[in-house]
N, C-alpha and C. Protein backbone atom coordinates (compact mmCIF):
# COMPACT_ATOMS: atom_id res chain seq x y z
N MET A 1 8.28 -7.34 6.65
CA MET A 1 8.60 -6.79 5.36
C MET A 1 7.34 -6.88 4.45
N ASP A 2 7.00 -5.75 3.80
CA ASP A 2 5.78 -5.76 2.97
C ASP A 2 6.13 -6.07 1.52
N ILE A 3 5.12 -6.16 0.65
CA ILE A 3 5.31 -6.56 -0.68
C ILE A 3 6.21 -5.61 -1.52
N PHE A 4 6.14 -4.31 -1.15
CA PHE A 4 7.02 -3.33 -1.86
C PHE A 4 8.49 -3.59 -1.54
N ASP A 5 8.80 -3.95 -0.28
CA ASP A 5 10.16 -4.25 0.05
C ASP A 5 10.60 -5.49 -0.71
N GLU A 6 9.76 -6.52 -0.78
CA GLU A 6 10.07 -7.70 -1.51
C GLU A 6 10.37 -7.45 -2.95
N LEU A 7 9.52 -6.57 -3.60
CA LEU A 7 9.74 -6.32 -5.00
C LEU A 7 10.97 -5.51 -5.23
N ALA A 8 11.29 -4.65 -4.32
CA ALA A 8 12.51 -3.82 -4.47
C ALA A 8 13.80 -4.67 -4.46
N GLY A 9 13.73 -5.84 -3.84
CA GLY A 9 14.88 -6.67 -3.72
C GLY A 9 15.08 -7.66 -4.89
N ILE A 10 14.15 -7.60 -5.89
CA ILE A 10 14.26 -8.51 -7.03
C ILE A 10 15.29 -7.97 -8.03
N ASP A 11 16.22 -8.83 -8.51
CA ASP A 11 17.17 -8.44 -9.48
C ASP A 11 16.57 -8.75 -10.87
N LEU A 12 16.21 -7.71 -11.59
CA LEU A 12 15.57 -7.90 -12.89
C LEU A 12 16.51 -7.60 -14.09
N ARG A 13 17.74 -7.40 -13.81
CA ARG A 13 18.68 -6.92 -14.89
C ARG A 13 18.88 -7.88 -15.92
N SER A 14 18.65 -9.19 -15.69
CA SER A 14 18.87 -10.23 -16.70
C SER A 14 17.66 -10.45 -17.54
N LEU A 15 16.55 -9.82 -17.28
CA LEU A 15 15.32 -10.05 -17.99
C LEU A 15 15.07 -9.07 -19.16
N ASP A 16 14.53 -9.57 -20.23
CA ASP A 16 14.20 -8.73 -21.36
C ASP A 16 13.01 -7.83 -21.00
N PRO A 17 13.23 -6.55 -20.87
CA PRO A 17 12.16 -5.69 -20.43
C PRO A 17 10.96 -5.57 -21.37
N ASP A 18 11.19 -5.98 -22.72
CA ASP A 18 10.07 -5.90 -23.68
C ASP A 18 9.54 -7.29 -24.05
N GLY A 19 10.05 -8.32 -23.33
CA GLY A 19 9.65 -9.65 -23.74
C GLY A 19 8.74 -10.42 -22.80
N GLY A 20 8.24 -9.72 -21.74
CA GLY A 20 7.38 -10.45 -20.79
C GLY A 20 6.99 -9.57 -19.62
N VAL A 21 6.36 -10.22 -18.66
CA VAL A 21 5.88 -9.51 -17.47
C VAL A 21 6.41 -10.18 -16.18
N VAL A 22 6.44 -9.48 -15.08
CA VAL A 22 6.83 -10.03 -13.82
C VAL A 22 5.63 -10.45 -13.03
N ALA A 23 5.66 -11.68 -12.50
CA ALA A 23 4.52 -12.21 -11.73
C ALA A 23 4.98 -12.49 -10.27
N VAL A 24 4.12 -12.20 -9.33
CA VAL A 24 4.41 -12.46 -7.94
C VAL A 24 3.49 -13.51 -7.42
N MET A 25 4.04 -14.41 -6.61
CA MET A 25 3.29 -15.46 -5.99
C MET A 25 3.60 -15.50 -4.51
N VAL A 26 2.61 -15.77 -3.71
CA VAL A 26 2.82 -15.86 -2.23
C VAL A 26 2.48 -17.34 -1.83
N CYS A 27 3.42 -17.96 -1.18
CA CYS A 27 3.15 -19.38 -0.71
C CYS A 27 3.30 -19.40 0.82
N TRP A 28 2.54 -20.35 1.41
CA TRP A 28 2.71 -20.69 2.81
C TRP A 28 3.42 -21.99 2.93
N ARG A 29 4.33 -22.11 3.85
CA ARG A 29 4.99 -23.41 4.08
C ARG A 29 5.30 -23.59 5.56
N PRO A 30 5.39 -24.84 5.98
CA PRO A 30 5.81 -25.07 7.36
C PRO A 30 7.22 -24.57 7.59
N CYS A 31 7.51 -24.14 8.83
CA CYS A 31 8.78 -23.64 9.21
C CYS A 31 9.42 -24.57 10.19
N ALA A 32 10.35 -25.36 9.73
CA ALA A 32 10.91 -26.47 10.54
C ALA A 32 11.56 -26.02 11.86
N LYS A 33 12.04 -24.74 11.91
CA LYS A 33 12.68 -24.28 13.12
C LYS A 33 11.74 -23.86 14.21
N ASP A 34 10.47 -23.71 13.89
CA ASP A 34 9.46 -23.40 14.91
C ASP A 34 9.09 -24.56 15.79
N PRO A 35 8.71 -24.37 17.08
CA PRO A 35 8.30 -25.44 17.94
C PRO A 35 7.16 -26.20 17.32
N ASP A 36 6.20 -25.50 16.69
CA ASP A 36 5.14 -26.18 15.89
C ASP A 36 5.30 -25.68 14.48
N PRO A 37 5.89 -26.51 13.59
CA PRO A 37 6.15 -26.09 12.24
C PRO A 37 4.98 -25.61 11.44
N GLU A 38 3.78 -26.11 11.83
CA GLU A 38 2.57 -25.76 11.10
C GLU A 38 2.04 -24.41 11.49
N GLN A 39 2.30 -23.94 12.71
CA GLN A 39 1.73 -22.71 13.18
C GLN A 39 2.80 -21.84 13.83
N PRO A 40 3.04 -20.64 13.32
CA PRO A 40 2.34 -20.09 12.23
C PRO A 40 2.90 -20.47 10.82
N GLY A 41 4.02 -21.19 10.76
CA GLY A 41 4.65 -21.42 9.43
C GLY A 41 5.19 -20.10 8.93
N GLU A 42 5.39 -19.96 7.61
CA GLU A 42 5.93 -18.75 7.08
C GLU A 42 5.40 -18.52 5.66
N LYS A 43 5.32 -17.21 5.32
CA LYS A 43 4.94 -16.86 3.98
C LYS A 43 6.24 -16.60 3.15
N VAL A 44 6.18 -17.02 1.88
CA VAL A 44 7.29 -16.88 0.97
C VAL A 44 6.83 -16.09 -0.27
N PHE A 45 7.49 -14.97 -0.58
CA PHE A 45 7.15 -14.23 -1.79
C PHE A 45 8.08 -14.67 -2.92
N ILE A 46 7.49 -15.07 -4.00
CA ILE A 46 8.29 -15.57 -5.17
C ILE A 46 7.94 -14.79 -6.40
N SER A 47 8.96 -14.36 -7.11
CA SER A 47 8.70 -13.67 -8.36
C SER A 47 9.14 -14.50 -9.52
N SER A 48 8.49 -14.39 -10.64
CA SER A 48 8.80 -15.13 -11.84
C SER A 48 8.62 -14.22 -13.10
N TYR A 49 9.18 -14.67 -14.19
CA TYR A 49 9.12 -13.90 -15.43
C TYR A 49 8.25 -14.68 -16.40
N LEU A 50 7.19 -14.10 -16.95
CA LEU A 50 6.34 -14.71 -17.93
C LEU A 50 6.62 -14.16 -19.30
N PRO A 51 7.28 -14.92 -20.20
CA PRO A 51 7.54 -14.37 -21.53
C PRO A 51 6.24 -14.23 -22.31
N LEU A 52 6.11 -13.15 -23.08
CA LEU A 52 4.91 -12.89 -23.90
C LEU A 52 5.34 -12.46 -25.30
N GLY A 53 4.57 -12.79 -26.26
CA GLY A 53 4.75 -12.22 -27.60
C GLY A 53 3.93 -10.95 -27.73
N ALA A 54 4.34 -10.15 -28.66
CA ALA A 54 3.67 -8.83 -28.84
C ALA A 54 2.17 -9.01 -29.10
N SER A 55 1.73 -10.03 -29.77
CA SER A 55 0.30 -10.25 -30.08
C SER A 55 -0.42 -11.05 -29.01
N ASP A 56 0.22 -11.54 -27.97
CA ASP A 56 -0.42 -12.24 -26.89
C ASP A 56 -1.26 -11.33 -26.02
N LEU A 57 -2.31 -11.82 -25.44
CA LEU A 57 -3.05 -11.00 -24.48
C LEU A 57 -2.19 -10.64 -23.28
N CYS A 58 -2.26 -9.39 -22.91
CA CYS A 58 -1.44 -8.91 -21.72
C CYS A 58 -1.96 -9.62 -20.46
N CYS A 59 -1.04 -9.98 -19.61
CA CYS A 59 -1.43 -10.69 -18.35
C CYS A 59 -2.00 -9.75 -17.26
N CYS A 60 -2.00 -8.48 -17.50
CA CYS A 60 -2.48 -7.53 -16.51
C CYS A 60 -4.05 -7.57 -16.39
N GLY A 61 -4.67 -8.23 -17.33
CA GLY A 61 -6.11 -8.36 -17.29
C GLY A 61 -6.85 -7.31 -18.06
N SER A 62 -6.11 -6.44 -18.81
CA SER A 62 -6.80 -5.37 -19.59
C SER A 62 -7.61 -5.87 -20.79
N GLY A 63 -7.27 -7.06 -21.25
CA GLY A 63 -7.90 -7.59 -22.49
C GLY A 63 -7.25 -7.12 -23.77
N LYS A 64 -6.15 -6.33 -23.63
CA LYS A 64 -5.46 -5.79 -24.78
C LYS A 64 -4.27 -6.70 -25.14
N ARG A 65 -3.73 -6.50 -26.36
CA ARG A 65 -2.54 -7.16 -26.78
C ARG A 65 -1.40 -6.66 -25.95
N PHE A 66 -0.37 -7.48 -25.73
CA PHE A 66 0.77 -7.08 -24.92
C PHE A 66 1.41 -5.86 -25.56
N ALA A 67 1.50 -5.80 -26.91
CA ALA A 67 2.12 -4.65 -27.62
C ALA A 67 1.41 -3.38 -27.42
N ASP A 68 0.12 -3.44 -27.08
CA ASP A 68 -0.71 -2.24 -26.95
C ASP A 68 -0.98 -1.89 -25.48
N CYS A 69 -0.31 -2.64 -24.56
CA CYS A 69 -0.56 -2.48 -23.12
C CYS A 69 0.67 -2.25 -22.36
N CYS A 70 1.19 -3.37 -21.78
CA CYS A 70 2.35 -3.19 -20.83
C CYS A 70 3.74 -3.24 -21.52
N GLN A 71 3.81 -3.78 -22.71
CA GLN A 71 5.09 -3.90 -23.33
C GLN A 71 5.84 -2.54 -23.53
N PRO A 72 5.20 -1.52 -24.02
CA PRO A 72 5.95 -0.25 -24.24
C PRO A 72 6.17 0.58 -23.02
N LEU A 73 5.61 0.22 -21.91
CA LEU A 73 5.79 1.03 -20.71
C LEU A 73 7.22 1.03 -20.20
N PRO A 74 7.74 2.08 -19.60
CA PRO A 74 9.16 2.11 -19.14
C PRO A 74 9.30 1.34 -17.82
N TYR A 75 8.26 0.75 -17.32
CA TYR A 75 8.32 0.03 -16.03
C TYR A 75 7.43 -1.19 -16.13
N TRP A 76 7.76 -2.19 -15.28
CA TRP A 76 6.90 -3.37 -15.14
C TRP A 76 5.78 -3.08 -14.17
N ARG A 77 4.62 -3.62 -14.47
CA ARG A 77 3.46 -3.59 -13.51
C ARG A 77 3.25 -5.06 -13.13
N PRO A 78 3.68 -5.47 -11.91
CA PRO A 78 3.65 -6.90 -11.58
C PRO A 78 2.16 -7.41 -11.63
N VAL A 79 2.04 -8.72 -11.92
CA VAL A 79 0.71 -9.34 -11.95
C VAL A 79 0.75 -10.52 -10.98
N CYS A 80 -0.42 -11.06 -10.64
CA CYS A 80 -0.47 -12.24 -9.79
C CYS A 80 -1.64 -13.12 -10.26
N LYS A 81 -1.51 -14.40 -9.99
CA LYS A 81 -2.52 -15.39 -10.43
C LYS A 81 -3.85 -15.15 -9.68
N ASN A 82 -4.95 -15.31 -10.41
CA ASN A 82 -6.22 -15.33 -9.77
C ASN A 82 -6.46 -16.73 -9.15
N PRO A 83 -7.31 -16.84 -8.14
CA PRO A 83 -7.52 -18.15 -7.44
C PRO A 83 -7.95 -19.24 -8.42
N SER A 84 -8.58 -18.93 -9.57
CA SER A 84 -8.91 -19.96 -10.51
C SER A 84 -7.70 -20.60 -11.15
N MET A 85 -6.49 -19.91 -11.01
CA MET A 85 -5.26 -20.33 -11.63
C MET A 85 -5.29 -20.30 -13.16
N GLN A 86 -6.32 -19.78 -13.76
CA GLN A 86 -6.48 -19.72 -15.23
C GLN A 86 -6.05 -18.35 -15.76
N THR A 87 -6.17 -17.31 -14.94
CA THR A 87 -5.91 -15.94 -15.40
C THR A 87 -5.07 -15.19 -14.34
N TYR A 88 -4.58 -14.02 -14.74
CA TYR A 88 -3.82 -13.14 -13.90
C TYR A 88 -4.61 -11.80 -13.72
N SER A 89 -4.23 -11.10 -12.68
CA SER A 89 -4.71 -9.73 -12.50
C SER A 89 -3.55 -8.82 -12.18
N LEU A 90 -3.74 -7.51 -12.50
CA LEU A 90 -2.70 -6.56 -12.12
C LEU A 90 -2.60 -6.46 -10.57
N MET A 91 -1.36 -6.50 -10.07
CA MET A 91 -1.21 -6.47 -8.64
C MET A 91 -1.62 -5.12 -8.08
N HIS A 92 -2.45 -5.15 -7.06
CA HIS A 92 -2.93 -3.93 -6.45
C HIS A 92 -3.21 -4.21 -4.97
N PRO A 93 -2.12 -4.22 -4.11
CA PRO A 93 -2.28 -4.60 -2.68
C PRO A 93 -3.32 -3.71 -1.98
N GLN A 94 -4.14 -4.40 -1.15
CA GLN A 94 -5.20 -3.67 -0.44
C GLN A 94 -5.64 -4.47 0.78
N ALA A 95 -6.27 -3.76 1.68
CA ALA A 95 -6.82 -4.33 2.90
C ALA A 95 -8.14 -3.74 3.21
N ALA A 96 -9.01 -4.59 3.83
CA ALA A 96 -10.38 -4.20 4.26
C ALA A 96 -10.39 -4.37 5.77
N TYR A 97 -10.87 -3.34 6.50
CA TYR A 97 -10.90 -3.38 7.95
C TYR A 97 -12.40 -3.36 8.41
N PHE A 98 -12.80 -4.35 9.18
CA PHE A 98 -14.13 -4.35 9.81
C PHE A 98 -13.93 -4.11 11.31
N LYS A 99 -14.62 -3.08 11.81
CA LYS A 99 -14.54 -2.68 13.21
C LYS A 99 -15.73 -3.19 14.00
N HIS A 100 -15.55 -3.36 15.32
CA HIS A 100 -16.63 -3.66 16.26
C HIS A 100 -17.44 -4.87 15.81
N ILE A 101 -16.72 -5.95 15.53
CA ILE A 101 -17.40 -7.15 15.05
C ILE A 101 -17.67 -8.14 16.20
N PRO A 102 -18.63 -9.07 16.09
CA PRO A 102 -18.84 -10.08 17.10
C PRO A 102 -17.76 -11.14 16.98
N ASP A 103 -16.72 -11.07 17.83
CA ASP A 103 -15.57 -11.95 17.72
C ASP A 103 -15.95 -13.43 17.65
N ASP A 104 -16.81 -13.85 18.55
CA ASP A 104 -17.14 -15.29 18.62
C ASP A 104 -17.80 -15.77 17.35
N VAL A 105 -18.70 -14.97 16.81
CA VAL A 105 -19.39 -15.36 15.54
C VAL A 105 -18.44 -15.43 14.38
N VAL A 106 -17.58 -14.38 14.28
CA VAL A 106 -16.62 -14.41 13.12
C VAL A 106 -15.63 -15.48 13.27
N TYR A 107 -15.11 -15.72 14.48
CA TYR A 107 -14.12 -16.75 14.74
C TYR A 107 -14.68 -18.12 14.32
N ALA A 108 -15.90 -18.43 14.75
CA ALA A 108 -16.50 -19.69 14.44
C ALA A 108 -16.71 -19.85 12.91
N PHE A 109 -17.10 -18.74 12.27
CA PHE A 109 -17.28 -18.78 10.84
C PHE A 109 -16.00 -19.08 10.05
N LEU A 110 -14.96 -18.39 10.47
CA LEU A 110 -13.63 -18.62 9.80
C LEU A 110 -13.10 -20.02 10.04
N GLN A 111 -13.26 -20.47 11.26
CA GLN A 111 -12.77 -21.79 11.64
C GLN A 111 -13.49 -22.92 10.85
N ASN A 112 -14.76 -22.70 10.50
CA ASN A 112 -15.56 -23.75 9.90
C ASN A 112 -15.49 -23.70 8.36
N ASP A 113 -14.80 -22.74 7.79
CA ASP A 113 -14.73 -22.67 6.32
C ASP A 113 -13.55 -23.52 5.84
N GLU A 114 -13.77 -24.55 5.09
CA GLU A 114 -12.76 -25.47 4.64
C GLU A 114 -11.79 -24.86 3.66
N ARG A 115 -12.09 -23.72 3.09
CA ARG A 115 -11.18 -23.03 2.15
C ARG A 115 -10.06 -22.22 2.92
N LEU A 116 -10.20 -22.13 4.21
CA LEU A 116 -9.30 -21.33 5.00
C LEU A 116 -8.47 -22.22 5.86
N TYR A 117 -7.19 -21.79 6.11
CA TYR A 117 -6.34 -22.56 6.96
C TYR A 117 -5.82 -21.60 8.07
N CYS A 118 -6.07 -22.03 9.32
CA CYS A 118 -5.66 -21.21 10.43
C CYS A 118 -4.19 -21.38 10.76
N VAL A 119 -3.40 -20.35 10.75
CA VAL A 119 -1.96 -20.44 10.93
C VAL A 119 -1.55 -19.79 12.29
N ALA A 120 -2.52 -19.18 12.96
CA ALA A 120 -2.21 -18.58 14.25
C ALA A 120 -3.48 -18.55 15.05
N ASP A 121 -3.54 -19.29 16.14
CA ASP A 121 -4.71 -19.37 16.99
C ASP A 121 -4.25 -19.40 18.42
N ASP A 122 -4.56 -18.38 19.18
CA ASP A 122 -4.06 -18.30 20.57
C ASP A 122 -5.07 -18.88 21.59
N GLY A 123 -6.16 -19.45 21.03
CA GLY A 123 -7.14 -20.09 21.92
C GLY A 123 -8.14 -19.08 22.50
N SER A 124 -8.08 -17.83 22.11
CA SER A 124 -9.00 -16.86 22.68
C SER A 124 -9.85 -16.18 21.56
N GLN A 125 -10.20 -16.94 20.59
CA GLN A 125 -11.07 -16.47 19.53
C GLN A 125 -10.38 -15.33 18.68
N HIS A 126 -9.06 -15.38 18.57
CA HIS A 126 -8.31 -14.50 17.67
C HIS A 126 -7.36 -15.34 16.89
N GLY A 127 -6.98 -14.90 15.75
CA GLY A 127 -6.00 -15.64 14.89
C GLY A 127 -5.94 -15.11 13.53
N CYS A 128 -5.24 -15.93 12.73
CA CYS A 128 -5.03 -15.60 11.30
C CYS A 128 -5.31 -16.80 10.44
N TRP A 129 -6.09 -16.53 9.34
CA TRP A 129 -6.44 -17.59 8.45
C TRP A 129 -6.03 -17.20 7.00
N LEU A 130 -5.48 -18.20 6.30
CA LEU A 130 -5.08 -17.95 4.90
C LEU A 130 -6.13 -18.62 3.98
N TYR A 131 -6.35 -17.89 2.88
CA TYR A 131 -7.30 -18.39 1.89
C TYR A 131 -6.50 -19.11 0.83
N TRP A 132 -6.66 -20.41 0.78
CA TRP A 132 -5.94 -21.24 -0.12
C TRP A 132 -6.66 -21.56 -1.44
N GLY A 133 -7.86 -21.09 -1.58
CA GLY A 133 -8.64 -21.35 -2.76
C GLY A 133 -9.37 -22.62 -2.66
N ASP A 134 -10.09 -22.96 -3.67
CA ASP A 134 -10.94 -24.18 -3.68
C ASP A 134 -10.93 -24.78 -5.09
N PRO A 135 -10.04 -25.79 -5.36
CA PRO A 135 -9.14 -26.43 -4.34
C PRO A 135 -7.85 -25.66 -4.08
N ALA A 136 -7.16 -26.13 -3.07
CA ALA A 136 -5.82 -25.54 -2.77
C ALA A 136 -4.81 -26.02 -3.84
N TYR A 137 -3.84 -25.17 -4.11
CA TYR A 137 -2.79 -25.48 -5.09
C TYR A 137 -1.44 -25.51 -4.40
N ASP A 138 -0.74 -26.62 -4.61
CA ASP A 138 0.61 -26.77 -4.03
C ASP A 138 1.66 -26.45 -5.13
N ALA A 139 2.61 -25.63 -4.76
CA ALA A 139 3.74 -25.26 -5.63
C ALA A 139 4.96 -25.81 -4.96
N PRO A 140 6.11 -25.81 -5.71
CA PRO A 140 7.35 -26.34 -5.15
C PRO A 140 7.76 -25.61 -3.84
N TYR A 141 7.31 -24.34 -3.66
CA TYR A 141 7.72 -23.58 -2.51
C TYR A 141 6.72 -23.60 -1.36
N GLY A 142 5.58 -24.25 -1.59
CA GLY A 142 4.49 -24.30 -0.55
C GLY A 142 3.18 -24.24 -1.19
N THR A 143 2.13 -24.01 -0.31
CA THR A 143 0.77 -23.89 -0.78
C THR A 143 0.45 -22.47 -1.13
N LEU A 144 -0.10 -22.28 -2.33
CA LEU A 144 -0.40 -20.88 -2.74
C LEU A 144 -1.37 -20.21 -1.84
N CYS A 145 -1.11 -18.98 -1.55
CA CYS A 145 -1.92 -18.13 -0.65
C CYS A 145 -2.49 -16.98 -1.39
N PHE A 146 -3.88 -16.87 -1.40
CA PHE A 146 -4.51 -15.82 -2.18
C PHE A 146 -5.03 -14.65 -1.33
N GLY A 147 -4.74 -14.68 -0.03
CA GLY A 147 -5.21 -13.64 0.85
C GLY A 147 -5.28 -14.09 2.23
N ASP A 148 -5.52 -13.22 3.19
CA ASP A 148 -5.65 -13.64 4.56
C ASP A 148 -6.64 -12.83 5.39
N PHE A 149 -7.07 -13.42 6.49
CA PHE A 149 -7.98 -12.81 7.47
C PHE A 149 -7.30 -12.81 8.78
N THR A 150 -7.28 -11.64 9.48
CA THR A 150 -6.68 -11.50 10.83
C THR A 150 -7.72 -10.96 11.77
N LEU A 151 -8.07 -11.78 12.73
CA LEU A 151 -9.05 -11.41 13.79
C LEU A 151 -8.29 -10.95 15.03
N SER A 152 -8.42 -9.68 15.40
CA SER A 152 -7.59 -9.11 16.45
C SER A 152 -8.36 -8.91 17.75
N GLU A 153 -7.64 -8.63 18.83
CA GLU A 153 -8.23 -8.51 20.18
C GLU A 153 -9.06 -7.23 20.29
N ASP A 154 -8.84 -6.27 19.41
CA ASP A 154 -9.59 -5.05 19.46
C ASP A 154 -10.97 -5.11 18.76
N HIS A 155 -11.43 -6.35 18.59
CA HIS A 155 -12.74 -6.62 17.93
C HIS A 155 -12.73 -6.15 16.50
N SER A 156 -11.68 -6.37 15.80
CA SER A 156 -11.60 -5.95 14.39
C SER A 156 -11.13 -7.13 13.53
N LEU A 157 -11.49 -7.08 12.24
CA LEU A 157 -11.09 -8.10 11.31
C LEU A 157 -10.42 -7.40 10.17
N ARG A 158 -9.23 -7.87 9.81
CA ARG A 158 -8.44 -7.33 8.65
C ARG A 158 -8.41 -8.36 7.55
N VAL A 159 -8.82 -7.96 6.35
CA VAL A 159 -8.71 -8.84 5.19
C VAL A 159 -7.74 -8.22 4.25
N SER A 160 -6.74 -8.97 3.79
CA SER A 160 -5.75 -8.43 2.87
C SER A 160 -5.57 -9.31 1.65
N ALA A 161 -5.29 -8.61 0.51
CA ALA A 161 -5.17 -9.36 -0.72
C ALA A 161 -4.26 -8.52 -1.65
N LEU A 162 -3.66 -9.18 -2.65
CA LEU A 162 -2.73 -8.55 -3.59
C LEU A 162 -3.42 -7.97 -4.87
N SER A 163 -4.68 -8.22 -5.05
CA SER A 163 -5.38 -7.71 -6.25
C SER A 163 -6.83 -7.44 -5.94
N GLU A 164 -7.45 -6.67 -6.82
CA GLU A 164 -8.89 -6.35 -6.70
C GLU A 164 -9.70 -7.67 -6.83
N THR A 165 -9.28 -8.49 -7.76
CA THR A 165 -10.09 -9.73 -8.01
C THR A 165 -10.02 -10.63 -6.79
N ARG A 166 -8.85 -10.74 -6.13
CA ARG A 166 -8.74 -11.54 -4.91
C ARG A 166 -9.55 -10.96 -3.78
N MET A 167 -9.51 -9.65 -3.62
CA MET A 167 -10.28 -9.01 -2.57
C MET A 167 -11.79 -9.22 -2.74
N GLU A 168 -12.29 -9.12 -3.95
CA GLU A 168 -13.71 -9.36 -4.25
C GLU A 168 -14.12 -10.81 -3.75
N ILE A 169 -13.26 -11.77 -4.03
CA ILE A 169 -13.51 -13.14 -3.59
C ILE A 169 -13.53 -13.25 -2.08
N LEU A 170 -12.58 -12.63 -1.42
CA LEU A 170 -12.49 -12.72 0.05
C LEU A 170 -13.70 -12.04 0.71
N LEU A 171 -14.10 -10.89 0.17
CA LEU A 171 -15.24 -10.16 0.79
C LEU A 171 -16.50 -10.93 0.51
N ASP A 172 -16.60 -11.58 -0.64
CA ASP A 172 -17.84 -12.32 -0.96
C ASP A 172 -17.96 -13.56 0.04
N LEU A 173 -16.79 -14.06 0.39
CA LEU A 173 -16.80 -15.17 1.35
C LEU A 173 -17.40 -14.81 2.72
N LEU A 174 -17.28 -13.49 3.07
CA LEU A 174 -17.79 -13.01 4.35
C LEU A 174 -19.24 -12.56 4.31
N LYS A 175 -19.87 -12.56 3.15
CA LYS A 175 -21.22 -12.04 3.06
C LYS A 175 -22.24 -12.71 4.00
N PRO A 176 -22.15 -13.98 4.24
CA PRO A 176 -23.13 -14.55 5.24
C PRO A 176 -23.08 -13.91 6.60
N LEU A 177 -22.01 -13.28 6.95
CA LEU A 177 -21.90 -12.66 8.28
C LEU A 177 -22.64 -11.32 8.37
N ALA A 178 -22.97 -10.75 7.22
CA ALA A 178 -23.67 -9.48 7.15
C ALA A 178 -23.07 -8.39 8.00
N LEU A 179 -21.68 -8.25 7.88
CA LEU A 179 -20.92 -7.23 8.61
C LEU A 179 -21.18 -5.84 7.96
N ASP A 180 -20.87 -4.83 8.73
CA ASP A 180 -20.96 -3.48 8.14
C ASP A 180 -19.90 -3.30 7.09
N ALA A 181 -20.09 -2.25 6.28
CA ALA A 181 -19.13 -2.05 5.21
C ALA A 181 -17.75 -1.75 5.76
N PRO A 182 -16.70 -2.37 5.14
CA PRO A 182 -15.32 -2.18 5.74
C PRO A 182 -14.74 -0.86 5.33
N GLN A 183 -13.72 -0.48 6.05
CA GLN A 183 -12.85 0.68 5.66
C GLN A 183 -11.74 0.07 4.82
N MET A 184 -11.53 0.66 3.65
CA MET A 184 -10.55 0.12 2.65
C MET A 184 -9.26 0.93 2.73
N GLN A 185 -8.14 0.17 2.66
CA GLN A 185 -6.82 0.79 2.51
C GLN A 185 -6.26 0.22 1.17
N ILE A 186 -6.09 1.08 0.19
CA ILE A 186 -5.61 0.62 -1.12
C ILE A 186 -4.29 1.23 -1.45
N ASP A 187 -3.26 0.42 -1.55
CA ASP A 187 -1.94 0.90 -1.86
C ASP A 187 -1.81 1.24 -3.38
N PRO A 188 -0.86 2.07 -3.71
CA PRO A 188 -0.63 2.34 -5.19
C PRO A 188 -0.16 1.08 -5.90
N PHE A 189 -0.42 1.05 -7.19
CA PHE A 189 0.05 -0.12 -8.02
C PHE A 189 1.63 -0.09 -7.98
N PRO A 190 2.19 -1.27 -7.66
CA PRO A 190 3.69 -1.30 -7.67
C PRO A 190 4.22 -1.10 -9.14
N ARG A 191 5.26 -0.43 -9.23
CA ARG A 191 5.96 -0.26 -10.54
C ARG A 191 7.43 -0.52 -10.33
N LEU A 192 7.96 -1.34 -11.21
CA LEU A 192 9.39 -1.68 -11.17
C LEU A 192 9.99 -1.13 -12.47
N ALA A 193 11.03 -0.30 -12.30
CA ALA A 193 11.65 0.30 -13.45
C ALA A 193 12.32 -0.73 -14.31
N LYS A 194 12.14 -0.67 -15.63
CA LYS A 194 12.79 -1.61 -16.53
C LYS A 194 14.20 -1.18 -16.75
N PRO A 195 15.14 -2.13 -16.59
CA PRO A 195 16.57 -1.81 -16.79
C PRO A 195 16.95 -1.68 -18.25
N ARG A 196 18.06 -1.07 -18.50
CA ARG A 196 18.66 -1.13 -19.82
C ARG A 196 19.19 -2.56 -20.04
N TRP A 197 18.83 -3.12 -21.15
CA TRP A 197 19.13 -4.57 -21.38
C TRP A 197 19.74 -4.74 -22.74
N ARG A 198 20.81 -5.54 -22.78
CA ARG A 198 21.54 -5.69 -24.01
C ARG A 198 21.54 -7.05 -24.56
N GLY A 199 20.67 -7.96 -24.01
CA GLY A 199 20.57 -9.31 -24.55
C GLY A 199 19.75 -9.38 -25.84
N SER A 200 19.58 -10.62 -26.35
CA SER A 200 18.74 -10.77 -27.48
C SER A 200 17.29 -10.43 -27.14
N LYS A 201 16.48 -10.09 -28.13
CA LYS A 201 15.14 -9.68 -27.84
C LYS A 201 14.27 -10.75 -27.24
N ARG A 202 14.54 -12.03 -27.47
CA ARG A 202 13.70 -13.11 -26.93
C ARG A 202 14.60 -14.12 -26.21
């Protein structure tokens, strides 16, 4: 299930459409039912509501007041935390694909980076690593995940992230490998229709 399916399943009817923004968080946690709970574990998508005042800075990262940015829109534009945990960015799911890479070199590089956690390793220099940030942040639902790297058998590396800011950080992490420029797949910005709401304004 992708992030758009996850967002479509969120019940937003009880939220004040003019009083805040929707934030999405991805966590990794062990899966007790698996033979090895730590690998691969599971990803959990969590949505929350961030109340904002009209004069507050909008969480989408525009630098504008909420009243002049996302508040009057007829839909929510979800945001997600930046790895610094101090700011948010507008959610913009995307992936970078590197083809014809030296598997052994990339595998060793990813395995040796302490900011990454390998959640799938078949012992043949392929696997999946999660970027937990530096330092890692633990939430009630698991460890926050800011993106992932998947090294496949077809000599390719896929890097995925939920925002432009996160992708920049992940690609910067790979710079020492001097790989060729990746092919980018950028999904449209998610939009969630604001419901008609009859509660109090705050």
